[in-house]
């Protein structure tokens, strides 16, 4: 199970604040030692459940027979990655845009490995 990490939440907050002014132009943090899921929207606010549900909805794109999850189900696979133990998330707003960042430690999404 994942445990909340204030350290990872602070790390996520730094990147969310950098992303929010970019609107929907999301980019993963360069040289990030952690796993990372990103989400952005404009015009309204999202709930944490909505964000996690968006990532989780990619489960339908994961083929466990072939262990084929990349890249279409990468958010889902990181969400359930078996060896990730710590999680920290943050949301930042700029104008009418929200940027959400979650970081996972240790990182998941290793090609060729199964998420669970």
N, C-alpha and C. Protein backbone atom coordinates (compact mmCIF):
# COMPACT_ATOMS: atom_id res chain seq x y z
N UNK A 1 0.82 -1.21 0.00
CA UNK A 1 0.00 0.00 0.00
C UNK A 1 0.86 1.26 0.00
N UNK A 2 0.32 2.30 -0.57
CA UNK A 2 1.01 3.58 -0.61
C UNK A 2 0.82 4.34 0.70
N UNK A 3 1.89 5.00 1.13
CA UNK A 3 1.82 5.88 2.30
C UNK A 3 2.07 7.30 1.83
N UNK A 4 1.37 8.25 2.45
CA UNK A 4 1.52 9.66 2.12
C UNK A 4 2.90 10.15 2.55
N UNK A 5 3.53 10.96 1.70
CA UNK A 5 4.83 11.54 1.99
C UNK A 5 4.77 13.05 1.82
N UNK A 6 5.01 13.77 2.90
CA UNK A 6 5.06 15.24 2.82
C UNK A 6 6.23 15.68 1.94
N UNK A 7 7.32 14.93 1.98
CA UNK A 7 8.48 15.25 1.14
C UNK A 7 8.11 15.19 -0.34
N UNK A 8 7.42 14.13 -0.74
CA UNK A 8 7.01 14.00 -2.14
C UNK A 8 5.93 15.01 -2.49
N UNK A 9 5.06 15.34 -1.54
CA UNK A 9 4.03 16.35 -1.79
C UNK A 9 4.68 17.71 -2.06
N UNK A 10 5.72 18.06 -1.30
CA UNK A 10 6.42 19.32 -1.52
C UNK A 10 7.12 19.31 -2.88
N UNK A 11 7.70 18.17 -3.24
CA UNK A 11 8.36 18.02 -4.54
C UNK A 11 7.33 18.18 -5.66
N UNK A 12 6.16 17.56 -5.50
CA UNK A 12 5.09 17.67 -6.49
C UNK A 12 4.58 19.11 -6.58
N UNK A 13 4.50 19.79 -5.44
CA UNK A 13 4.01 21.16 -5.42
C UNK A 13 4.91 22.09 -6.24
N UNK A 14 6.21 21.91 -6.12
CA UNK A 14 7.15 22.73 -6.91
C UNK A 14 6.85 22.60 -8.40
N UNK A 15 6.64 21.37 -8.85
CA UNK A 15 6.42 21.15 -10.29
C UNK A 15 5.02 21.59 -10.71
N UNK A 16 4.03 21.37 -9.86
CA UNK A 16 2.67 21.82 -10.19
C UNK A 16 2.65 23.33 -10.38
N UNK A 17 3.36 24.06 -9.53
CA UNK A 17 3.43 25.52 -9.64
C UNK A 17 4.13 25.95 -10.93
N UNK A 18 5.09 25.17 -11.39
CA UNK A 18 5.77 25.48 -12.65
C UNK A 18 4.87 25.16 -13.85
N UNK A 19 4.05 24.12 -13.73
CA UNK A 19 3.20 23.70 -14.85
C UNK A 19 1.94 24.54 -15.02
N UNK A 20 1.32 24.97 -13.94
CA UNK A 20 0.02 25.65 -14.03
C UNK A 20 0.01 26.82 -15.01
N UNK A 21 1.01 27.68 -15.03
CA UNK A 21 0.98 28.79 -15.99
C UNK A 21 1.09 28.35 -17.46
N UNK A 22 1.48 27.10 -17.69
CA UNK A 22 1.62 26.60 -19.06
C UNK A 22 0.30 26.12 -19.64
N UNK A 23 -0.76 26.15 -18.86
CA UNK A 23 -2.05 25.67 -19.34
C UNK A 23 -2.06 24.16 -19.48
N UNK A 24 -2.52 23.67 -20.60
CA UNK A 24 -2.63 22.23 -20.81
C UNK A 24 -1.36 21.63 -21.40
N UNK A 25 -0.32 22.41 -21.53
CA UNK A 25 0.95 21.94 -22.08
C UNK A 25 1.78 21.30 -20.97
N UNK A 26 1.43 20.07 -20.62
CA UNK A 26 2.11 19.37 -19.53
C UNK A 26 3.41 18.73 -20.00
N UNK A 27 4.38 18.77 -19.14
CA UNK A 27 5.67 18.12 -19.38
C UNK A 27 6.11 17.46 -18.08
N UNK A 28 6.68 16.25 -18.21
CA UNK A 28 7.22 15.61 -17.02
C UNK A 28 8.47 16.37 -16.55
N UNK A 29 8.66 16.35 -15.25
CA UNK A 29 9.80 17.04 -14.65
C UNK A 29 11.09 16.38 -15.14
N UNK A 30 12.03 17.16 -15.67
CA UNK A 30 13.30 16.59 -16.14
C UNK A 30 14.10 15.99 -14.98
N UNK A 31 14.76 14.90 -15.25
CA UNK A 31 15.64 14.25 -14.28
C UNK A 31 14.93 13.92 -12.97
N UNK A 32 13.66 13.59 -13.07
CA UNK A 32 12.86 13.28 -11.89
C UNK A 32 13.22 11.89 -11.37
N UNK A 33 13.65 11.78 -10.12
CA UNK A 33 13.99 10.45 -9.59
C UNK A 33 12.76 9.64 -9.19
N UNK A 34 11.57 10.24 -9.29
CA UNK A 34 10.34 9.58 -8.85
C UNK A 34 9.43 9.29 -10.03
N UNK A 35 8.50 8.36 -9.82
CA UNK A 35 7.42 8.18 -10.78
C UNK A 35 6.52 9.40 -10.72
N UNK A 36 5.83 9.68 -11.82
CA UNK A 36 5.05 10.92 -11.86
C UNK A 36 3.81 10.75 -12.72
N UNK A 37 2.68 11.19 -12.20
CA UNK A 37 1.44 11.31 -12.97
C UNK A 37 1.05 12.78 -13.01
N UNK A 38 0.60 13.23 -14.18
CA UNK A 38 0.19 14.62 -14.38
C UNK A 38 -1.25 14.67 -14.86
N UNK A 39 -1.91 15.77 -14.52
CA UNK A 39 -3.29 16.00 -14.96
C UNK A 39 -3.50 17.51 -14.99
N UNK A 40 -4.20 17.99 -16.00
CA UNK A 40 -4.52 19.42 -16.07
C UNK A 40 -5.90 19.61 -16.67
N UNK A 41 -6.54 20.70 -16.29
CA UNK A 41 -7.80 21.07 -16.91
C UNK A 41 -7.98 22.58 -16.77
N UNK A 42 -8.86 23.10 -17.60
CA UNK A 42 -9.15 24.53 -17.55
C UNK A 42 -10.65 24.74 -17.39
N UNK A 43 -11.00 25.88 -16.83
CA UNK A 43 -12.40 26.28 -16.76
C UNK A 43 -13.16 25.81 -15.55
N UNK A 44 -12.60 24.90 -14.79
CA UNK A 44 -13.27 24.43 -13.57
C UNK A 44 -12.24 23.75 -12.68
N UNK A 45 -12.68 23.39 -11.50
CA UNK A 45 -11.79 22.70 -10.57
C UNK A 45 -12.15 21.22 -10.53
N UNK A 46 -11.13 20.41 -10.38
CA UNK A 46 -11.32 18.97 -10.28
C UNK A 46 -11.20 18.55 -8.81
N UNK A 47 -11.81 17.45 -8.49
CA UNK A 47 -11.63 16.86 -7.16
C UNK A 47 -10.49 15.84 -7.24
N UNK A 48 -9.86 15.54 -6.11
CA UNK A 48 -8.84 14.49 -6.13
C UNK A 48 -9.39 13.17 -6.70
N UNK A 49 -10.62 12.84 -6.35
CA UNK A 49 -11.22 11.59 -6.86
C UNK A 49 -11.34 11.62 -8.38
N UNK A 50 -11.70 12.76 -8.95
CA UNK A 50 -11.81 12.87 -10.41
C UNK A 50 -10.46 12.65 -11.08
N UNK A 51 -9.42 13.22 -10.50
CA UNK A 51 -8.08 13.07 -11.07
C UNK A 51 -7.64 11.61 -11.03
N UNK A 52 -7.77 10.99 -9.87
CA UNK A 52 -7.37 9.59 -9.73
C UNK A 52 -8.24 8.70 -10.63
N UNK A 53 -9.51 8.99 -10.72
CA UNK A 53 -10.39 8.22 -11.61
C UNK A 53 -9.96 8.35 -13.07
N UNK A 54 -9.50 9.53 -13.48
CA UNK A 54 -9.03 9.71 -14.86
C UNK A 54 -7.83 8.80 -15.12
N UNK A 55 -6.90 8.77 -14.19
CA UNK A 55 -5.75 7.88 -14.36
C UNK A 55 -6.18 6.42 -14.31
N UNK A 56 -7.05 6.10 -13.37
CA UNK A 56 -7.52 4.72 -13.22
C UNK A 56 -8.33 4.23 -14.41
N UNK A 57 -8.98 5.14 -15.12
CA UNK A 57 -9.80 4.74 -16.27
C UNK A 57 -8.95 4.13 -17.39
N UNK A 58 -7.65 4.33 -17.33
CA UNK A 58 -6.76 3.73 -18.34
C UNK A 58 -6.63 2.22 -18.17
N UNK A 59 -7.16 1.69 -17.07
CA UNK A 59 -7.09 0.24 -16.86
C UNK A 59 -7.65 -0.51 -18.06
N UNK A 60 -8.68 0.03 -18.68
CA UNK A 60 -9.30 -0.65 -19.83
C UNK A 60 -8.33 -0.75 -21.01
N UNK A 61 -7.26 0.05 -21.01
CA UNK A 61 -6.28 0.03 -22.09
C UNK A 61 -5.12 -0.92 -21.80
N UNK A 62 -5.08 -1.46 -20.59
CA UNK A 62 -4.00 -2.37 -20.20
C UNK A 62 -4.36 -3.80 -20.58
N UNK A 63 -3.46 -4.46 -21.27
CA UNK A 63 -3.65 -5.85 -21.67
C UNK A 63 -2.76 -6.73 -20.80
N UNK A 64 -3.32 -7.37 -19.75
CA UNK A 64 -2.48 -8.17 -18.86
C UNK A 64 -1.88 -9.40 -19.55
N UNK A 65 -2.56 -9.93 -20.56
CA UNK A 65 -2.03 -11.09 -21.28
C UNK A 65 -0.70 -10.74 -21.94
N UNK A 66 -0.65 -9.59 -22.55
CA UNK A 66 0.55 -9.15 -23.26
C UNK A 66 1.44 -8.26 -22.39
N UNK A 67 0.95 -7.91 -21.20
CA UNK A 67 1.61 -6.93 -20.34
C UNK A 67 1.89 -5.66 -21.13
N UNK A 68 0.90 -5.24 -21.89
CA UNK A 68 1.04 -4.07 -22.76
C UNK A 68 0.32 -2.90 -22.12
N UNK A 69 1.09 -1.99 -21.55
CA UNK A 69 0.49 -0.82 -20.90
C UNK A 69 1.09 0.48 -21.40
N UNK A 70 2.20 0.43 -22.12
CA UNK A 70 2.89 1.65 -22.51
C UNK A 70 2.50 2.05 -23.91
N UNK A 71 2.25 3.30 -24.24
CA UNK A 71 2.13 4.44 -23.33
C UNK A 71 0.69 4.71 -22.91
N UNK A 72 -0.28 4.02 -23.52
CA UNK A 72 -1.68 4.38 -23.33
C UNK A 72 -2.17 4.26 -21.90
N UNK A 73 -1.61 3.34 -21.14
CA UNK A 73 -2.09 3.11 -19.77
C UNK A 73 -1.01 3.42 -18.74
N UNK A 74 -0.10 4.30 -19.07
CA UNK A 74 1.01 4.63 -18.17
C UNK A 74 0.59 5.27 -16.86
N UNK A 75 -0.47 6.09 -16.89
CA UNK A 75 -0.95 6.67 -15.63
C UNK A 75 -1.50 5.57 -14.73
N UNK A 76 -2.30 4.68 -15.32
CA UNK A 76 -2.87 3.58 -14.55
C UNK A 76 -1.78 2.70 -13.96
N UNK A 77 -0.81 2.31 -14.80
CA UNK A 77 0.22 1.39 -14.32
C UNK A 77 1.03 2.00 -13.18
N UNK A 78 1.34 3.30 -13.24
CA UNK A 78 2.06 3.92 -12.13
C UNK A 78 1.18 3.97 -10.89
N UNK A 79 -0.09 4.21 -11.07
CA UNK A 79 -1.03 4.27 -9.95
C UNK A 79 -1.05 2.97 -9.15
N UNK A 80 -0.91 1.83 -9.82
CA UNK A 80 -1.00 0.52 -9.16
C UNK A 80 0.34 -0.20 -9.07
N UNK A 81 1.43 0.47 -9.41
CA UNK A 81 2.72 -0.21 -9.48
C UNK A 81 3.07 -0.86 -8.14
N UNK A 82 3.36 -2.14 -8.17
CA UNK A 82 3.49 -2.95 -6.96
C UNK A 82 4.62 -2.53 -6.02
N UNK A 83 5.70 -1.98 -6.53
CA UNK A 83 6.83 -1.66 -5.65
C UNK A 83 6.83 -0.21 -5.17
N UNK A 84 5.95 0.62 -5.68
CA UNK A 84 5.88 2.01 -5.19
C UNK A 84 5.29 1.99 -3.78
N UNK A 85 5.93 2.72 -2.86
CA UNK A 85 5.52 2.70 -1.45
C UNK A 85 5.08 4.06 -0.93
N UNK A 86 5.65 5.14 -1.48
CA UNK A 86 5.33 6.48 -0.98
C UNK A 86 4.70 7.30 -2.09
N UNK A 87 3.80 8.21 -1.70
CA UNK A 87 3.06 9.04 -2.64
C UNK A 87 2.96 10.45 -2.08
N UNK A 88 3.14 11.43 -2.95
CA UNK A 88 2.90 12.82 -2.60
C UNK A 88 2.30 13.53 -3.79
N UNK A 89 1.26 14.32 -3.57
CA UNK A 89 0.56 15.00 -4.66
C UNK A 89 0.34 16.46 -4.33
N UNK A 90 0.12 17.25 -5.38
CA UNK A 90 -0.17 18.67 -5.20
C UNK A 90 -0.96 19.16 -6.40
N UNK A 91 -1.68 20.27 -6.18
CA UNK A 91 -2.39 20.95 -7.26
C UNK A 91 -2.03 22.42 -7.18
N UNK A 92 -1.84 23.04 -8.34
CA UNK A 92 -1.58 24.48 -8.40
C UNK A 92 -2.52 25.08 -9.44
N UNK A 93 -2.87 26.34 -9.22
CA UNK A 93 -3.78 27.04 -10.12
C UNK A 93 -3.12 28.29 -10.67
N UNK A 94 -3.38 28.56 -11.94
CA UNK A 94 -2.95 29.80 -12.59
C UNK A 94 -4.07 30.19 -13.54
N UNK A 95 -4.69 31.32 -13.28
CA UNK A 95 -5.85 31.71 -14.08
C UNK A 95 -6.94 30.68 -13.91
N UNK A 96 -7.44 30.15 -15.04
CA UNK A 96 -8.49 29.13 -14.96
C UNK A 96 -7.95 27.72 -15.16
N UNK A 97 -6.64 27.54 -15.01
CA UNK A 97 -6.00 26.24 -15.21
C UNK A 97 -5.58 25.62 -13.89
N UNK A 98 -5.80 24.32 -13.77
CA UNK A 98 -5.28 23.55 -12.65
C UNK A 98 -4.26 22.55 -13.18
N UNK A 99 -3.16 22.40 -12.48
CA UNK A 99 -2.16 21.38 -12.79
C UNK A 99 -2.00 20.50 -11.56
N UNK A 100 -2.17 19.21 -11.74
CA UNK A 100 -2.04 18.22 -10.68
C UNK A 100 -0.79 17.39 -10.94
N UNK A 101 -0.04 17.12 -9.89
CA UNK A 101 1.16 16.30 -9.97
C UNK A 101 1.14 15.32 -8.80
N UNK A 102 1.39 14.05 -9.09
CA UNK A 102 1.61 13.05 -8.05
C UNK A 102 2.95 12.38 -8.33
N UNK A 103 3.75 12.24 -7.28
CA UNK A 103 5.04 11.55 -7.38
C UNK A 103 5.01 10.28 -6.54
N UNK A 104 5.69 9.25 -7.04
CA UNK A 104 5.69 7.92 -6.44
C UNK A 104 7.13 7.47 -6.21
N UNK A 105 7.37 6.84 -5.06
CA UNK A 105 8.71 6.35 -4.73
C UNK A 105 8.60 4.96 -4.12
N UNK A 106 9.37 4.01 -4.66
CA UNK A 106 10.18 4.16 -5.86
C UNK A 106 9.31 4.23 -7.11
N UNK A 107 9.90 4.78 -8.15
CA UNK A 107 9.18 4.95 -9.40
C UNK A 107 8.78 3.60 -9.99
N UNK A 108 7.72 3.60 -10.75
CA UNK A 108 7.28 2.40 -11.45
C UNK A 108 7.43 2.59 -12.94
N UNK A 109 6.59 1.88 -13.67
CA UNK A 109 6.57 1.96 -15.13
C UNK A 109 7.88 1.52 -15.78
N UNK A 110 8.39 0.39 -15.31
CA UNK A 110 9.57 -0.17 -15.95
C UNK A 110 9.10 -1.08 -17.08
N UNK A 111 9.52 -0.74 -18.29
CA UNK A 111 9.11 -1.51 -19.47
C UNK A 111 9.51 -2.97 -19.29
N UNK A 112 8.60 -3.85 -19.68
CA UNK A 112 8.84 -5.28 -19.58
C UNK A 112 8.44 -5.87 -18.24
N UNK A 113 8.18 -5.04 -17.24
CA UNK A 113 7.74 -5.53 -15.93
C UNK A 113 6.24 -5.36 -15.80
N UNK A 114 5.66 -6.21 -14.99
CA UNK A 114 4.22 -6.12 -14.74
C UNK A 114 3.95 -5.15 -13.60
N UNK A 115 2.87 -4.36 -13.72
CA UNK A 115 2.60 -3.38 -12.67
C UNK A 115 2.19 -4.00 -11.35
N UNK A 116 1.58 -5.20 -11.39
CA UNK A 116 1.16 -5.85 -10.15
C UNK A 116 1.25 -7.34 -10.29
